PDB file of N, CA and C in Angstrom:
ATOM      1  N   MET A   1     151.916  75.636  72.549  1.00  0.00           N
ATOM      2  CA  MET A   1     153.230  76.132  72.198  1.00  0.00           C
ATOM      3  C   MET A   1     154.037  76.408  73.472  1.00  0.00           C
ATOM      4  N   LYS A   2     155.283  75.965  73.476  1.00  0.00           N
ATOM      5  CA  LYS A   2     156.142  76.154  74.638  1.00  0.00           C
ATOM      6  C   LYS A   2     156.437  77.630  74.864  1.00  0.00           C
ATOM      7  N   LYS A   3     156.464  78.011  76.134  1.00  0.00           N
ATOM      8  CA  LYS A   3     156.884  79.359  76.493  1.00  0.00           C
ATOM      9  C   LYS A   3     158.406  79.413  76.466  1.00  0.00           C
ATOM     10  N   LYS A   4     158.944  80.544  76.029  1.00  0.00           N
ATOM     11  CA  LYS A   4     160.391  80.707  75.908  1.00  0.00           C
ATOM     12  C   LYS A   4     160.910  81.605  77.025  1.00  0.00           C
ATOM     13  N   ILE A   5     161.971  81.136  77.687  1.00  0.00           N
ATOM     14  CA  ILE A   5     162.592  81.883  78.773  1.00  0.00           C
ATOM     15  C   ILE A   5     164.035  82.196  78.403  1.00  0.00           C
ATOM     16  N   LEU A   6     164.411  83.448  78.602  1.00  0.00           N
ATOM     17  CA  LEU A   6     165.796  83.874  78.416  1.00  0.00           C
ATOM     18  C   LEU A   6     166.453  83.933  79.791  1.00  0.00           C
ATOM     19  N   VAL A   7     167.507  83.146  79.970  1.00  0.00           N
ATOM     20  CA  VAL A   7     168.270  83.136  81.212  1.00  0.00           C
ATOM     21  C   VAL A   7     169.532  83.970  80.986  1.00  0.00           C
ATOM     22  N   VAL A   8     169.696  85.022  81.801  1.00  0.00           N
ATOM     23  CA  VAL A   8     170.859  85.905  81.685  1.00  0.00           C
ATOM     24  C   VAL A   8     171.677  85.785  82.964  1.00  0.00           C
ATOM     25  N   ASP A   9     172.872  85.218  82.831  1.00  0.00           N
ATOM     26  CA  ASP A   9     173.764  85.053  83.977  1.00  0.00           C
ATOM     27  C   ASP A   9     175.185  84.923  83.457  1.00  0.00           C
ATOM     28  N   ASP A  10     176.129  85.573  84.127  1.00  0.00           N
ATOM     29  CA  ASP A  10     177.515  85.505  83.679  1.00  0.00           C
ATOM     30  C   ASP A  10     178.190  84.187  84.059  1.00  0.00           C
ATOM     31  N   GLU A  11     177.617  83.430  84.978  1.00  0.00           N
ATOM     32  CA  GLU A  11     178.206  82.161  85.397  1.00  0.00           C
ATOM     33  C   GLU A  11     177.711  81.025  84.506  1.00  0.00           C
ATOM     34  N   TYR A  12     178.640  80.441  83.778  1.00  0.00           N
ATOM     35  CA  TYR A  12     178.334  79.378  82.817  1.00  0.00           C
ATOM     36  C   TYR A  12     177.561  78.227  83.468  1.00  0.00           C
ATOM     37  N   ASN A  13     178.019  77.768  84.630  1.00  0.00           N
ATOM     38  CA  ASN A  13     177.373  76.630  85.284  1.00  0.00           C
ATOM     39  C   ASN A  13     175.949  76.945  85.730  1.00  0.00           C
ATOM     40  N   ILE A  14     175.710  78.163  86.164  1.00  0.00           N
ATOM     41  CA  ILE A  14     174.358  78.575  86.555  1.00  0.00           C
ATOM     42  C   ILE A  14     173.445  78.574  85.331  1.00  0.00           C
ATOM     43  N   ARG A  15     173.938  79.109  84.207  1.00  0.00           N
ATOM     44  CA  ARG A  15     173.136  79.113  82.975  1.00  0.00           C
ATOM     45  C   ARG A  15     172.750  77.687  82.582  1.00  0.00           C
ATOM     46  N   LEU A  16     173.723  76.791  82.614  1.00  0.00           N
ATOM     47  CA  LEU A  16     173.439  75.404  82.219  1.00  0.00           C
ATOM     48  C   LEU A  16     172.466  74.726  83.184  1.00  0.00           C
ATOM     49  N   LEU A  17     172.663  74.950  84.474  1.00  0.00           N
ATOM     50  CA  LEU A  17     171.775  74.356  85.469  1.00  0.00           C
ATOM     51  C   LEU A  17     170.350  74.876  85.313  1.00  0.00           C
ATOM     52  N   LEU A  18     170.216  76.184  85.141  1.00  0.00           N
ATOM     53  CA  LEU A  18     168.878  76.752  84.939  1.00  0.00           C
ATOM     54  C   LEU A  18     168.251  76.252  83.642  1.00  0.00           C
ATOM     55  N   LYS A  19     169.051  76.125  82.596  1.00  0.00           N
ATOM     56  CA  LYS A  19     168.520  75.604  81.341  1.00  0.00           C
ATOM     57  C   LYS A  19     167.966  74.199  81.548  1.00  0.00           C
ATOM     58  N   GLU A  20     168.711  73.368  82.248  1.00  0.00           N
ATOM     59  CA  GLU A  20     168.257  72.002  82.496  1.00  0.00           C
ATOM     60  C   GLU A  20     166.989  71.979  83.350  1.00  0.00           C
ATOM     61  N   GLU A  21     166.990  72.748  84.422  1.00  0.00           N
ATOM     62  CA  GLU A  21     165.829  72.797  85.326  1.00  0.00           C
ATOM     63  C   GLU A  21     164.573  73.290  84.595  1.00  0.00           C
ATOM     64  N   LEU A  22     164.718  74.363  83.816  1.00  0.00           N
ATOM     65  CA  LEU A  22     163.555  74.951  83.146  1.00  0.00           C
ATOM     66  C   LEU A  22     163.115  74.132  81.932  1.00  0.00           C
ATOM     67  N   THR A  23     164.053  73.494  81.266  1.00  0.00           N
ATOM     68  CA  THR A  23     163.694  72.599  80.163  1.00  0.00           C
ATOM     69  C   THR A  23     162.887  71.423  80.705  1.00  0.00           C
ATOM     70  N   ASP A  24     163.297  70.908  81.861  1.00  0.00           N
ATOM     71  CA  ASP A  24     162.550  69.818  82.508  1.00  0.00           C
ATOM     72  C   ASP A  24     161.132  70.252  82.875  1.00  0.00           C
ATOM     73  N   GLU A  25     160.929  71.536  83.080  1.00  0.00           N
ATOM     74  CA  GLU A  25     159.599  72.069  83.386  1.00  0.00           C
ATOM     75  C   GLU A  25     158.755  72.288  82.123  1.00  0.00           C
ATOM     76  N   GLY A  26     159.359  72.066  80.958  1.00  0.00           N
ATOM     77  CA  GLY A  26     158.613  72.186  79.710  1.00  0.00           C
ATOM     78  C   GLY A  26     158.810  73.485  78.954  1.00  0.00           C
ATOM     79  N   TYR A  27     159.788  74.285  79.362  1.00  0.00           N
ATOM     80  CA  TYR A  27     160.036  75.562  78.695  1.00  0.00           C
ATOM     81  C   TYR A  27     161.125  75.424  77.631  1.00  0.00           C
ATOM     82  N   ASP A  28     161.060  76.297  76.645  1.00  0.00           N
ATOM     83  CA  ASP A  28     162.139  76.471  75.680  1.00  0.00           C
ATOM     84  C   ASP A  28     163.061  77.511  76.309  1.00  0.00           C
ATOM     85  N   VAL A  29     164.350  77.205  76.436  1.00  0.00           N
ATOM     86  CA  VAL A  29     165.270  78.079  77.164  1.00  0.00           C
ATOM     87  C   VAL A  29     166.400  78.537  76.253  1.00  0.00           C
ATOM     88  N   VAL A  30     166.628  79.848  76.247  1.00  0.00           N
ATOM     89  CA  VAL A  30     167.769  80.426  75.540  1.00  0.00           C
ATOM     90  C   VAL A  30     168.638  81.130  76.578  1.00  0.00           C
ATOM     91  N   LEU A  31     169.933  81.244  76.269  1.00  0.00           N
ATOM     92  CA  LEU A  31     170.890  81.733  77.254  1.00  0.00           C
ATOM     93  C   LEU A  31     171.651  82.958  76.767  1.00  0.00           C
ATOM     94  N   ALA A  32     171.992  83.827  77.731  1.00  0.00           N
ATOM     95  CA  ALA A  32     172.853  84.986  77.442  1.00  0.00           C
ATOM     96  C   ALA A  32     173.814  85.145  78.607  1.00  0.00           C
ATOM     97  N   GLU A  33     175.075  85.445  78.284  1.00  0.00           N
ATOM     98  CA  GLU A  33     176.106  85.534  79.313  1.00  0.00           C
ATOM     99  C   GLU A  33     176.344  86.949  79.831  1.00  0.00           C
ATOM    100  N   ASN A  34     175.731  87.953  79.205  1.00  0.00           N
ATOM    101  CA  ASN A  34     175.916  89.338  79.666  1.00  0.00           C
ATOM    102  C   ASN A  34     174.769  90.206  79.164  1.00  0.00           C
ATOM    103  N   GLY A  35     174.800  91.467  79.565  1.00  0.00           N
ATOM    104  CA  GLY A  35     173.713  92.379  79.220  1.00  0.00           C
ATOM    105  C   GLY A  35     173.563  92.632  77.731  1.00  0.00           C
ATOM    106  N   ALA A  36     174.677  92.812  77.045  1.00  0.00           N
ATOM    107  CA  ALA A  36     174.608  93.070  75.597  1.00  0.00           C
ATOM    108  C   ALA A  36     173.995  91.881  74.867  1.00  0.00           C
ATOM    109  N   ALA A  37     174.417  90.684  75.241  1.00  0.00           N
ATOM    110  CA  ALA A  37     173.857  89.477  74.621  1.00  0.00           C
ATOM    111  C   ALA A  37     172.373  89.346  74.963  1.00  0.00           C
ATOM    112  N   ALA A  38     172.003  89.703  76.179  1.00  0.00           N
ATOM    113  CA  ALA A  38     170.599  89.624  76.590  1.00  0.00           C
ATOM    114  C   ALA A  38     169.720  90.539  75.747  1.00  0.00           C
ATOM    115  N   LEU A  39     170.144  91.773  75.565  1.00  0.00           N
ATOM    116  CA  LEU A  39     169.352  92.726  74.785  1.00  0.00           C
ATOM    117  C   LEU A  39     169.220  92.268  73.335  1.00  0.00           C
ATOM    118  N   ARG A  40     170.280  91.697  72.788  1.00  0.00           N
ATOM    119  CA  ARG A  40     170.239  91.157  71.426  1.00  0.00           C
ATOM    120  C   ARG A  40     169.287  89.953  71.355  1.00  0.00           C
ATOM    121  N   MET A  41     169.377  89.067  72.348  1.00  0.00           N
ATOM    122  CA  MET A  41     168.526  87.871  72.360  1.00  0.00           C
ATOM    123  C   MET A  41     167.044  88.220  72.520  1.00  0.00           C
ATOM    124  N   ILE A  42     166.761  89.269  73.257  1.00  0.00           N
ATOM    125  CA  ILE A  42     165.361  89.690  73.409  1.00  0.00           C
ATOM    126  C   ILE A  42     164.781  90.057  72.044  1.00  0.00           C
ATOM    127  N   GLN A  43     165.552  90.775  71.241  1.00  0.00           N
ATOM    128  CA  GLN A  43     165.086  91.160  69.914  1.00  0.00           C
ATOM    129  C   GLN A  43     164.995  89.963  68.969  1.00  0.00           C
ATOM    130  N   GLU A  44     165.982  89.066  69.034  1.00  0.00           N
ATOM    131  CA  GLU A  44     166.037  87.934  68.108  1.00  0.00           C
ATOM    132  C   GLU A  44     165.086  86.802  68.491  1.00  0.00           C
ATOM    133  N   GLU A  45     165.000  86.489  69.767  1.00  0.00           N
ATOM    134  CA  GLU A  45     164.288  85.297  70.224  1.00  0.00           C
ATOM    135  C   GLU A  45     162.870  85.565  70.724  1.00  0.00           C
ATOM    136  N   LYS A  46     162.568  86.814  71.059  1.00  0.00           N
ATOM    137  CA  LYS A  46     161.247  87.191  71.569  1.00  0.00           C
ATOM    138  C   LYS A  46     160.794  86.289  72.729  1.00  0.00           C
ATOM    139  N   PRO A  47     161.563  86.273  73.826  1.00  0.00           N
ATOM    140  CA  PRO A  47     161.195  85.404  74.950  1.00  0.00           C
ATOM    141  C   PRO A  47     159.904  85.873  75.625  1.00  0.00           C
ATOM    142  N   ASP A  48     159.266  84.944  76.326  1.00  0.00           N
ATOM    143  CA  ASP A  48     158.059  85.253  77.088  1.00  0.00           C
ATOM    144  C   ASP A  48     158.387  85.765  78.484  1.00  0.00           C
ATOM    145  N   LEU A  49     159.627  85.509  78.939  1.00  0.00           N
ATOM    146  CA  LEU A  49     160.054  85.903  80.268  1.00  0.00           C
ATOM    147  C   LEU A  49     161.583  85.909  80.304  1.00  0.00           C
ATOM    148  N   VAL A  50     162.152  86.767  81.159  1.00  0.00           N
ATOM    149  CA  VAL A  50     163.608  86.856  81.322  1.00  0.00           C
ATOM    150  C   VAL A  50     163.949  86.659  82.789  1.00  0.00           C
ATOM    151  N   THR A  51     164.948  85.801  83.065  1.00  0.00           N
ATOM    152  CA  THR A  51     165.550  85.775  84.403  1.00  0.00           C
ATOM    153  C   THR A  51     166.876  86.500  84.263  1.00  0.00           C
ATOM    154  N   LEU A  52     167.139  87.422  85.175  1.00  0.00           N
ATOM    155  CA  LEU A  52     168.256  88.345  85.011  1.00  0.00           C
ATOM    156  C   LEU A  52     169.102  88.433  86.270  1.00  0.00           C
ATOM    157  N   ASP A  53     170.382  88.122  86.138  1.00  0.00           N
ATOM    158  CA  ASP A  53     171.331  88.279  87.240  1.00  0.00           C
ATOM    159  C   ASP A  53     171.677  89.761  87.364  1.00  0.00           C
ATOM    160  N   ILE A  54     172.083  90.185  88.557  1.00  0.00           N
ATOM    161  CA  ILE A  54     172.466  91.590  88.747  1.00  0.00           C
ATOM    162  C   ILE A  54     173.963  91.786  88.572  1.00  0.00           C
ATOM    163  N   LYS A  55     174.749  91.032  89.308  1.00  0.00           N
ATOM    164  CA  LYS A  55     176.210  91.202  89.297  1.00  0.00           C
ATOM    165  C   LYS A  55     176.799  90.483  88.090  1.00  0.00           C
ATOM    166  N   MET A  56     177.118  91.264  87.056  1.00  0.00           N
ATOM    167  CA  MET A  56     177.741  90.728  85.853  1.00  0.00           C
ATOM    168  C   MET A  56     178.849  91.686  85.439  1.00  0.00           C
ATOM    169  N   PRO A  57     179.910  91.171  84.820  1.00  0.00           N
ATOM    170  CA  PRO A  57     180.951  92.083  84.332  1.00  0.00           C
ATOM    171  C   PRO A  57     180.392  92.996  83.245  1.00  0.00           C
ATOM    172  N   GLY A  58     180.938  94.177  83.160  1.00  0.00           N
ATOM    173  CA  GLY A  58     180.420  95.134  82.174  1.00  0.00           C
ATOM    174  C   GLY A  58     179.141  95.751  82.719  1.00  0.00           C
ATOM    175  N   GLU A  59     178.106  95.690  81.946  1.00  0.00           N
ATOM    176  CA  GLU A  59     176.822  96.278  82.325  1.00  0.00           C
ATOM    177  C   GLU A  59     176.098  95.385  83.329  1.00  0.00           C
ATOM    178  N   ASP A  60     175.710  95.959  84.470  1.00  0.00           N
ATOM    179  CA  ASP A  60     175.036  95.141  85.473  1.00  0.00           C
ATOM    180  C   ASP A  60     173.562  94.928  85.120  1.00  0.00           C
ATOM    181  N   GLY A  61     172.946  93.996  85.833  1.00  0.00           N
ATOM    182  CA  GLY A  61     171.568  93.613  85.540  1.00  0.00           C
ATOM    183  C   GLY A  61     170.560  94.725  85.711  1.00  0.00           C
ATOM    184  N   LEU A  62     170.781  95.624  86.669  1.00  0.00           N
ATOM    185  CA  LEU A  62     169.828  96.721  86.870  1.00  0.00           C
ATOM    186  C   LEU A  62     169.842  97.684  85.686  1.00  0.00           C
ATOM    187  N   SER A  63     171.016  97.918  85.117  1.00  0.00           N
ATOM    188  CA  SER A  63     171.124  98.744  83.921  1.00  0.00           C
ATOM    189  C   SER A  63     170.430  98.066  82.736  1.00  0.00           C
ATOM    190  N   VAL A  64     170.635  96.768  82.618  1.00  0.00           N
ATOM    191  CA  VAL A  64     169.984  96.002  81.547  1.00  0.00           C
ATOM    192  C   VAL A  64     168.471  96.035  81.729  1.00  0.00           C
ATOM    193  N   LEU A  65     168.010  95.911  82.967  1.00  0.00           N
ATOM    194  CA  LEU A  65     166.579  95.974  83.257  1.00  0.00           C
ATOM    195  C   LEU A  65     165.989  97.307  82.801  1.00  0.00           C
ATOM    196  N   ARG A  66     166.680  98.398  83.085  1.00  0.00           N
ATOM    197  CA  ARG A  66     166.194  99.717  82.633  1.00  0.00           C
ATOM    198  C   ARG A  66     166.060  99.757  81.111  1.00  0.00           C
ATOM    199  N   LYS A  67     167.035  99.205  80.408  1.00  0.00           N
ATOM    200  CA  LYS A  67     166.979  99.189  78.936  1.00  0.00           C
ATOM    201  C   LYS A  67     165.848  98.305  78.434  1.00  0.00           C
ATOM    202  N   ILE A  68     165.626  97.186  79.101  1.00  0.00           N
ATOM    203  CA  ILE A  68     164.509  96.318  78.704  1.00  0.00           C
ATOM    204  C   ILE A  68     163.201  97.079  78.855  1.00  0.00           C
ATOM    205  N   ARG A  69     163.032  97.762  79.968  1.00  0.00           N
ATOM    206  CA  ARG A  69     161.780  98.481  80.235  1.00  0.00           C
ATOM    207  C   ARG A  69     161.549  99.638  79.256  1.00  0.00           C
ATOM    208  N   GLU A  70     162.602 100.173  78.673  1.00  0.00           N
ATOM    209  CA  GLU A  70     162.439 101.255  77.704  1.00  0.00           C
ATOM    210  C   GLU A  70     161.732 100.786  76.436  1.00  0.00           C
ATOM    211  N   THR A  71     161.933  99.527  76.056  1.00  0.00           N
ATOM    212  CA  THR A  71     161.361  99.042  74.798  1.00  0.00           C
ATOM    213  C   THR A  71     160.381  97.887  74.975  1.00  0.00           C
ATOM    214  N   GLU A  72     160.573  97.098  76.006  1.00  0.00           N
ATOM    215  CA  GLU A  72     159.749  95.897  76.220  1.00  0.00           C
ATOM    216  C   GLU A  72     159.093  95.972  77.596  1.00  0.00           C
ATOM    217  N   TYR A  73     158.276  96.978  77.808  1.00  0.00           N
ATOM    218  CA  TYR A  73     157.725  97.199  79.143  1.00  0.00           C
ATOM    219  C   TYR A  73     156.781  96.104  79.611  1.00  0.00           C
ATOM    220  N   ASP A  74     156.246  95.292  78.697  1.00  0.00           N
ATOM    221  CA  ASP A  74     155.354  94.192  79.076  1.00  0.00           C
ATOM    222  C   ASP A  74     156.079  92.863  79.259  1.00  0.00           C
ATOM    223  N   LEU A  75     157.363  92.809  78.954  1.00  0.00           N
ATOM    224  CA  LEU A  75     158.125  91.571  79.068  1.00  0.00           C
ATOM    225  C   LEU A  75     158.418  91.295  80.546  1.00  0.00           C
ATOM    226  N   PRO A  76     157.915  90.176  81.093  1.00  0.00           N
ATOM    227  CA  PRO A  76     158.181  89.876  82.500  1.00  0.00           C
ATOM    228  C   PRO A  76     159.668  89.608  82.737  1.00  0.00           C
ATOM    229  N   VAL A  77     160.186  90.198  83.813  1.00  0.00           N
ATOM    230  CA  VAL A  77     161.583  90.023  84.191  1.00  0.00           C
ATOM    231  C   VAL A  77     161.631  89.622  85.659  1.00  0.00           C
ATOM    232  N   ILE A  78     162.343  88.533  85.929  1.00  0.00           N
ATOM    233  CA  ILE A  78     162.586  88.110  87.301  1.00  0.00           C
ATOM    234  C   ILE A  78     164.073  88.293  87.569  1.00  0.00           C
ATOM    235  N   ILE A  79     164.396  89.122  88.544  1.00  0.00           N
ATOM    236  CA  ILE A  79     165.788  89.244  88.944  1.00  0.00           C
ATOM    237  C   ILE A  79     166.122  88.023  89.792  1.00  0.00           C
ATOM    238  N   CYS A  80     167.190  87.366  89.423  1.00  0.00           N
ATOM    239  CA  CYS A  80     167.643  86.164  90.117  1.00  0.00           C
ATOM    240  C   CYS A  80     169.091  86.398  90.524  1.00  0.00           C
ATOM    241  N   SER A  81     169.274  86.799  91.779  1.00  0.00           N
ATOM    242  CA  SER A  81     170.596  87.213  92.234  1.00  0.00           C
ATOM    243  C   SER A  81     170.957  86.558  93.557  1.00  0.00           C
ATOM    244  N   ALA A  82     172.223  86.352  93.767  1.00  0.00           N
ATOM    245  CA  ALA A  82     172.703  85.813  95.043  1.00  0.00           C
ATOM    246  C   ALA A  82     172.711  86.898  96.125  1.00  0.00           C
ATOM    247  N   TYR A  83     172.496  88.140  95.741  1.00  0.00           N
ATOM    248  CA  TYR A  83     172.599  89.262  96.663  1.00  0.00           C
ATOM    249  C   TYR A  83     171.221  89.808  97.022  1.00  0.00           C
ATOM    250  N   SER A  84     170.737  89.479  98.211  1.00  0.00           N
ATOM    251  CA  SER A  84     169.416  89.953  98.631  1.00  0.00           C
ATOM    252  C   SER A  84     169.396  91.448  98.910  1.00  0.00           C
ATOM    253  N   VAL A  85     170.567  92.065  99.103  1.00  0.00           N
ATOM    254  CA  VAL A  85     170.646  93.491  99.409  1.00  0.00           C
ATOM    255  C   VAL A  85     170.036  94.343  98.294  1.00  0.00           C
ATOM    256  N   TYR A  86     170.076  93.862  97.060  1.00  0.00           N
ATOM    257  CA  TYR A  86     169.532  94.633  95.938  1.00  0.00           C
ATOM    258  C   TYR A  86     168.006  94.602  95.892  1.00  0.00           C
ATOM    259  N   LYS A  87     167.400  93.721  96.677  1.00  0.00           N
ATOM    260  CA  LYS A  87     165.948  93.582  96.662  1.00  0.00           C
ATOM    261  C   LYS A  87     165.250  94.909  96.972  1.00  0.00           C
ATOM    262  N   SER A  88     165.883  95.732  97.812  1.00  0.00           N
ATOM    263  CA  SER A  88     165.280  97.014  98.174  1.00  0.00           C
ATOM    264  C   SER A  88     165.767  98.159  97.291  1.00  0.00           C
ATOM    265  N   ASP A  89     166.633  97.882  96.331  1.00  0.00           N
ATOM    266  CA  ASP A  89     167.131  98.911  95.417  1.00  0.00           C
ATOM    267  C   ASP A  89     165.971  99.397  94.556  1.00  0.00           C
ATOM    268  N   PHE A  90     165.836 100.692  94.454  1.00  0.00           N
ATOM    269  CA  PHE A  90     164.732 101.274  93.687  1.00  0.00           C
ATOM    270  C   PHE A  90     164.697 100.755  92.251  1.00  0.00           C
ATOM    271  N   SER A  91     165.864 100.561  91.648  1.00  0.00           N
ATOM    272  CA  SER A  91     165.927 100.077  90.265  1.00  0.00           C
ATOM    273  C   SER A  91     165.346  98.682  90.130  1.00  0.00           C
ATOM    274  N   ALA A  92     165.477  97.876  91.172  1.00  0.00           N
ATOM    275  CA  ALA A  92     164.980  96.496  91.120  1.00  0.00           C
ATOM    276  C   ALA A  92     163.456  96.439  91.143  1.00  0.00           C
ATOM    277  N   ILE A  93     162.816  97.517  91.562  1.00  0.00           N
ATOM    278  CA  ILE A  93     161.358  97.550  91.618  1.00  0.00           C
ATOM    279  C   ILE A  93     160.742  97.389  90.233  1.00  0.00           C
ATOM    280  N   ALA A  94     161.459  97.744  89.195  1.00  0.00           N
ATOM    281  CA  ALA A  94     160.951  97.608  87.822  1.00  0.00           C
ATOM    282  C   ALA A  94     160.816  96.145  87.402  1.00  0.00           C
ATOM    283  N   ALA A  95     161.425  95.233  88.157  1.00  0.00           N
ATOM    284  CA  ALA A  95     161.307  93.803  87.852  1.00  0.00           C
ATOM    285  C   ALA A  95     159.953  93.296  88.345  1.00  0.00           C
ATOM    286  N   ASP A  96     159.495  92.217  87.751  1.00  0.00           N
ATOM    287  CA  ASP A  96     158.228  91.623  88.169  1.00  0.00           C
ATOM    288  C   ASP A  96     158.372  90.842  89.475  1.00  0.00           C
ATOM    289  N   HIS A  97     159.559  90.335  89.711  1.00  0.00           N
ATOM    290  CA  HIS A  97     159.821  89.615  90.953  1.00  0.00           C
ATOM    291  C   HIS A  97     161.325  89.553  91.192  1.00  0.00           C
ATOM    292  N   TYR A  98     161.689  89.272  92.429  1.00  0.00           N
ATOM    293  CA  TYR A  98     163.099  89.168  92.816  1.00  0.00           C
ATOM    294  C   TYR A  98     163.265  87.852  93.553  1.00  0.00           C
ATOM    295  N   VAL A  99     164.148  86.993  93.077  1.00  0.00           N
ATOM    296  CA  VAL A  99     164.402  85.704  93.713  1.00  0.00           C
ATOM    297  C   VAL A  99     165.872  85.649  94.088  1.00  0.00           C
ATOM    298  N   VAL A 100     166.143  85.262  95.320  1.00  0.00           N
ATOM    299  CA  VAL A 100     167.525  85.090  95.764  1.00  0.00           C
ATOM    300  C   VAL A 100     167.979  83.699  95.334  1.00  0.00           C
ATOM    301  N   LYS A 101     169.117  83.657  94.619  1.00  0.00           N
ATOM    302  CA  LYS A 101     169.661  82.382  94.133  1.00  0.00           C
ATOM    303  C   LYS A 101     169.966  81.453  95.289  1.00  0.00           C
ATOM    304  N   SER A 102     169.673  80.183  95.066  1.00  0.00           N
ATOM    305  CA  SER A 102     170.061  79.144  96.013  1.00  0.00           C
ATOM    306  C   SER A 102     170.231  77.854  95.206  1.00  0.00           C
ATOM    307  N   SER A 103     170.586  76.799  95.884  1.00  0.00           N
ATOM    308  CA  SER A 103     170.741  75.520  95.184  1.00  0.00           C
ATOM    309  C   SER A 103     169.385  74.912  94.838  1.00  0.00           C
ATOM    310  N   ASN A 104     168.328  75.468  95.391  1.00  0.00           N
ATOM    311  CA  ASN A 104     166.978  74.993  95.126  1.00  0.00           C
ATOM    312  C   ASN A 104     166.260  76.051  94.275  1.00  0.00           C
ATOM    313  N   PHE A 105     165.804  75.658  93.104  1.00  0.00           N
ATOM    314  CA  PHE A 105     165.168  76.605  92.185  1.00  0.00           C
ATOM    315  C   PHE A 105     163.647  76.582  92.263  1.00  0.00           C
ATOM    316  N   ASP A 106     163.098  75.985  93.312  1.00  0.00           N
ATOM    317  CA  ASP A 106     161.644  75.859  93.425  1.00  0.00           C
ATOM    318  C   ASP A 106     160.940  77.211  93.447  1.00  0.00           C
ATOM    319  N   ASP A 107     161.484  78.182  94.195  1.00  0.00           N
ATOM    320  CA  ASP A 107     160.855  79.509  94.265  1.00  0.00           C
ATOM    321  C   ASP A 107     160.861  80.174  92.894  1.00  0.00           C
ATOM    322  N   LEU A 108     161.976  80.084  92.196  1.00  0.00           N
ATOM    323  CA  LEU A 108     162.070  80.664  90.856  1.00  0.00           C
ATOM    324  C   LEU A 108     161.073  79.999  89.910  1.00  0.00           C
ATOM    325  N   LYS A 109     161.017  78.678  89.922  1.00  0.00           N
ATOM    326  CA  LYS A 109     160.095  77.963  89.027  1.00  0.00           C
ATOM    327  C   LYS A 109     158.635  78.294  89.349  1.00  0.00           C
ATOM    328  N   LYS A 110     158.336  78.449  90.632  1.00  0.00           N
ATOM    329  CA  LYS A 110     156.969  78.812  91.038  1.00  0.00           C
ATOM    330  C   LYS A 110     156.603  80.193  90.501  1.00  0.00           C
ATOM    331  N   LYS A 111     157.518  81.157  90.649  1.00  0.00           N
ATOM    332  CA  LYS A 111     157.248  82.514  90.164  1.00  0.00           C
ATOM    333  C   LYS A 111     157.111  82.543  88.646  1.00  0.00           C
ATOM    334  N   ILE A 112     157.921  81.773  87.950  1.00  0.00           N
ATOM    335  CA  ILE A 112     157.812  81.701  86.489  1.00  0.00           C
ATOM    336  C   ILE A 112     156.436  81.169  86.097  1.00  0.00           C
ATOM    337  N   ARG A 113     156.014  80.085  86.739  1.00  0.00           N
ATOM    338  CA  ARG A 113     154.682  79.519  86.444  1.00  0.00           C
ATOM    339  C   ARG A 113     153.584  80.544  86.689  1.00  0.00           C
ATOM    340  N   GLU A 114     153.661  81.242  87.841  1.00  0.00           N
ATOM    341  CA  GLU A 114     152.648  82.243  88.177  1.00  0.00           C
ATOM    342  C   GLU A 114     152.591  83.354  87.135  1.00  0.00           C
ATOM    343  N   ILE A 115     153.745  83.879  86.781  1.00  0.00           N
ATOM    344  CA  ILE A 115     153.787  85.003  85.840  1.00  0.00           C
ATOM    345  C   ILE A 115     153.294  84.570  84.461  1.00  0.00           C
ATOM    346  N   LEU A 116     153.769  83.432  83.977  1.00  0.00           N
ATOM    347  CA  LEU A 116     153.386  83.002  82.631  1.00  0.00           C
ATOM    348  C   LEU A 116     151.936  82.556  82.561  1.00  0.00           C
ATOM    349  N   SER A 117     151.386  82.040  83.656  1.00  0.00           N
ATOM    350  CA  SER A 117     149.964  81.664  83.633  1.00  0.00           C
ATOM    351  C   SER A 117     149.087  82.902  83.579  1.00  0.00           C
ATOM    352  N   CYS A 118     149.547  84.011  84.145  1.00  0.00           N
ATOM    353  CA  CYS A 118     148.787  85.267  84.078  1.00  0.00           C
ATOM    354  C   CYS A 118     148.825  85.879  82.674  1.00  0.00           C
ATOM    355  N   LYS A 119     149.861  85.555  81.891  1.00  0.00           N
ATOM    356  CA  LYS A 119     149.992  86.119  80.547  1.00  0.00           C
ATOM    357  C   LYS A 119     149.123  85.393  79.517  1.00  0.00           C
ATOM    358  N   GLU A 120     148.591  84.236  79.890  1.00  0.00           N
ATOM    359  CA  GLU A 120     147.817  83.450  78.904  1.00  0.00           C
ATOM    360  C   GLU A 120     146.432  84.009  78.706  1.00  0.00           C
TER     361      GLU A 120
END
């Protein structure tokens, strides 16, 4: 059975690119454009892993991460942000991993494989 990944990012093109990259890796991918949609999708879709952007309009990713941890403490979350400065933020420690966005998604795909292989 395919593992399901929820990609949360406010940038439409990033969501589509990640969907294509992760689908090519054999994952079922669902998308959310903001924190509220992400929390709803977690309940509806029951993903195996979440990639979460930090800088989003409205509720930021760190706030969404705190809410995820309140109810889904075993759900792996990878923060995927263009801002490496948040890597040392105490709130980001609740994530399973932190990946700095780049045009190459190899690091993100490697971390996803590692995390999901440990869950099997």
